[in-house]
Amino acid sequence: MEEDPDTYRILKLRAEILELGSAIRQLQREGLDDAAAQLLIARKRAQLDHLVKVTSAARGLGVQRS
């Protein structure tokens, strides 16, 4: 069964967000600046939110995205 490209991107973004969350916690434990990681995770979350909305809308309309 072939994986939908949007589904793959969603899973990839979720994995990246989990990794960034872990990195942020580690930086905080060590008392280091985590501002850059916080900004990156916010951007990744926005990308994920957008992709989920676009994918849901396309599927609701029966549109096949590639």
C-alpha atoms as a PDB file:
ATOM      1  CA  MET A   1       0.000   0.000   0.000  1.00  0.00           C
ATOM      2  CA  GLU A   2       1.428   3.361  -1.045  1.00  0.00           C
ATOM      3  CA  GLU A   3       1.649   6.076   1.613  1.00  0.00           C
ATOM      4  CA  ASP A   4      -0.093   9.392   0.879  1.00  0.00           C
ATOM      5  CA  PRO A   5       2.577  12.161   0.566  1.00  0.00           C
ATOM      6  CA  ASP A   6       0.593  14.478   2.851  1.00  0.00           C
ATOM      7  CA  THR A   7       0.242  11.766   5.477  1.00  0.00           C
ATOM      8  CA  TYR A   8       3.999  11.202   5.344  1.00  0.00           C
ATOM      9  CA  ARG A   9       4.656  14.956   5.744  1.00  0.00           C
ATOM     10  CA  ILE A  10       2.265  15.125   8.696  1.00  0.00           C
ATOM     11  CA  LEU A  11       3.992  12.201  10.406  1.00  0.00           C
ATOM     12  CA  LYS A  12       7.412  13.708   9.690  1.00  0.00           C
ATOM     13  CA  LEU A  13       6.409  17.078  11.144  1.00  0.00           C
ATOM     14  CA  ARG A  14       4.997  15.404  14.256  1.00  0.00           C
ATOM     15  CA  ALA A  15       8.272  13.525  14.746  1.00  0.00           C
ATOM     16  CA  GLU A  16      10.282  16.735  14.310  1.00  0.00           C
ATOM     17  CA  ILE A  17       8.079  18.506  16.861  1.00  0.00           C
ATOM     18  CA  LEU A  18       8.617  15.694  19.359  1.00  0.00           C
ATOM     19  CA  GLU A  19      12.387  15.914  18.863  1.00  0.00           C
ATOM     20  CA  LEU A  20      12.345  19.683  19.283  1.00  0.00           C
ATOM     21  CA  GLY A  21      10.277  19.361  22.455  1.00  0.00           C
ATOM     22  CA  SER A  22      12.871  16.995  23.849  1.00  0.00           C
ATOM     23  CA  ALA A  23      15.701  19.348  22.873  1.00  0.00           C
ATOM     24  CA  ILE A  24      13.915  22.287  24.513  1.00  0.00           C
ATOM     25  CA  ARG A  25      13.457  20.358  27.767  1.00  0.00           C
ATOM     26  CA  GLN A  26      17.135  19.422  27.743  1.00  0.00           C
ATOM     27  CA  LEU A  27      18.204  23.024  27.126  1.00  0.00           C
ATOM     28  CA  GLN A  28      15.943  24.200  29.952  1.00  0.00           C
ATOM     29  CA  ARG A  29      17.340  21.578  32.346  1.00  0.00           C
ATOM     30  CA  GLU A  30      20.850  22.780  31.562  1.00  0.00           C
ATOM     31  CA  GLY A  31      19.862  26.420  31.992  1.00  0.00           C
ATOM     32  CA  LEU A  32      20.631  27.302  28.375  1.00  0.00           C
ATOM     33  CA  ASP A  33      18.800  29.641  26.010  1.00  0.00           C
ATOM     34  CA  ASP A  34      16.034  27.825  24.176  1.00  0.00           C
ATOM     35  CA  ALA A  35      14.600  30.774  22.222  1.00  0.00           C
ATOM     36  CA  ALA A  36      15.729  29.515  18.800  1.00  0.00           C
ATOM     37  CA  ALA A  37      14.304  26.055  19.470  1.00  0.00           C
ATOM     38  CA  GLN A  38      11.041  27.597  20.741  1.00  0.00           C
ATOM     39  CA  LEU A  39      10.743  29.638  17.539  1.00  0.00           C
ATOM     40  CA  LEU A  40      11.464  26.587  15.376  1.00  0.00           C
ATOM     41  CA  ILE A  41       8.899  24.447  17.190  1.00  0.00           C
ATOM     42  CA  ALA A  42       6.285  27.200  16.794  1.00  0.00           C
ATOM     43  CA  ARG A  43       6.967  27.282  13.049  1.00  0.00           C
ATOM     44  CA  LYS A  44       6.770  23.489  12.778  1.00  0.00           C
ATOM     45  CA  ARG A  45       3.465  23.482  14.676  1.00  0.00           C
ATOM     46  CA  ALA A  46       2.090  26.134  12.313  1.00  0.00           C
ATOM     47  CA  GLN A  47       3.223  24.085   9.300  1.00  0.00           C
ATOM     48  CA  LEU A  48       1.580  20.989  10.750  1.00  0.00           C
ATOM     49  CA  ASP A  49      -1.655  22.845  11.493  1.00  0.00           C
ATOM     50  CA  HIS A  50      -1.763  24.250   7.965  1.00  0.00           C
ATOM     51  CA  LEU A  51      -1.001  20.902   6.333  1.00  0.00           C
ATOM     52  CA  VAL A  52      -3.661  19.112   8.393  1.00  0.00           C
ATOM     53  CA  LYS A  53      -6.271  21.741   7.480  1.00  0.00           C
ATOM     54  CA  VAL A  54      -5.393  21.705   3.773  1.00  0.00           C
ATOM     55  CA  THR A  55      -5.343  17.917   3.656  1.00  0.00           C
ATOM     56  CA  SER A  56      -8.657  17.638   5.506  1.00  0.00           C
ATOM     57  CA  ALA A  57     -10.274  20.192   3.216  1.00  0.00           C
ATOM     58  CA  ALA A  58      -8.959  18.444   0.094  1.00  0.00           C
ATOM     59  CA  ARG A  59     -10.200  15.070   1.301  1.00  0.00           C
ATOM     60  CA  GLY A  60     -13.569  16.574   2.184  1.00  0.00           C
ATOM     61  CA  LEU A  61     -13.879  17.803  -1.391  1.00  0.00           C
ATOM     62  CA  GLY A  62     -12.652  14.519  -2.803  1.00  0.00           C
ATOM     63  CA  VAL A  63      -9.560  16.196  -4.247  1.00  0.00           C
ATOM     64  CA  GLN A  64      -6.449  14.059  -4.651  1.00  0.00           C
ATOM     65  CA  ARG A  65      -3.308  16.069  -3.712  1.00  0.00           C
ATOM     66  CA  SER A  66       0.145  15.104  -4.914  1.00  0.00           C
END
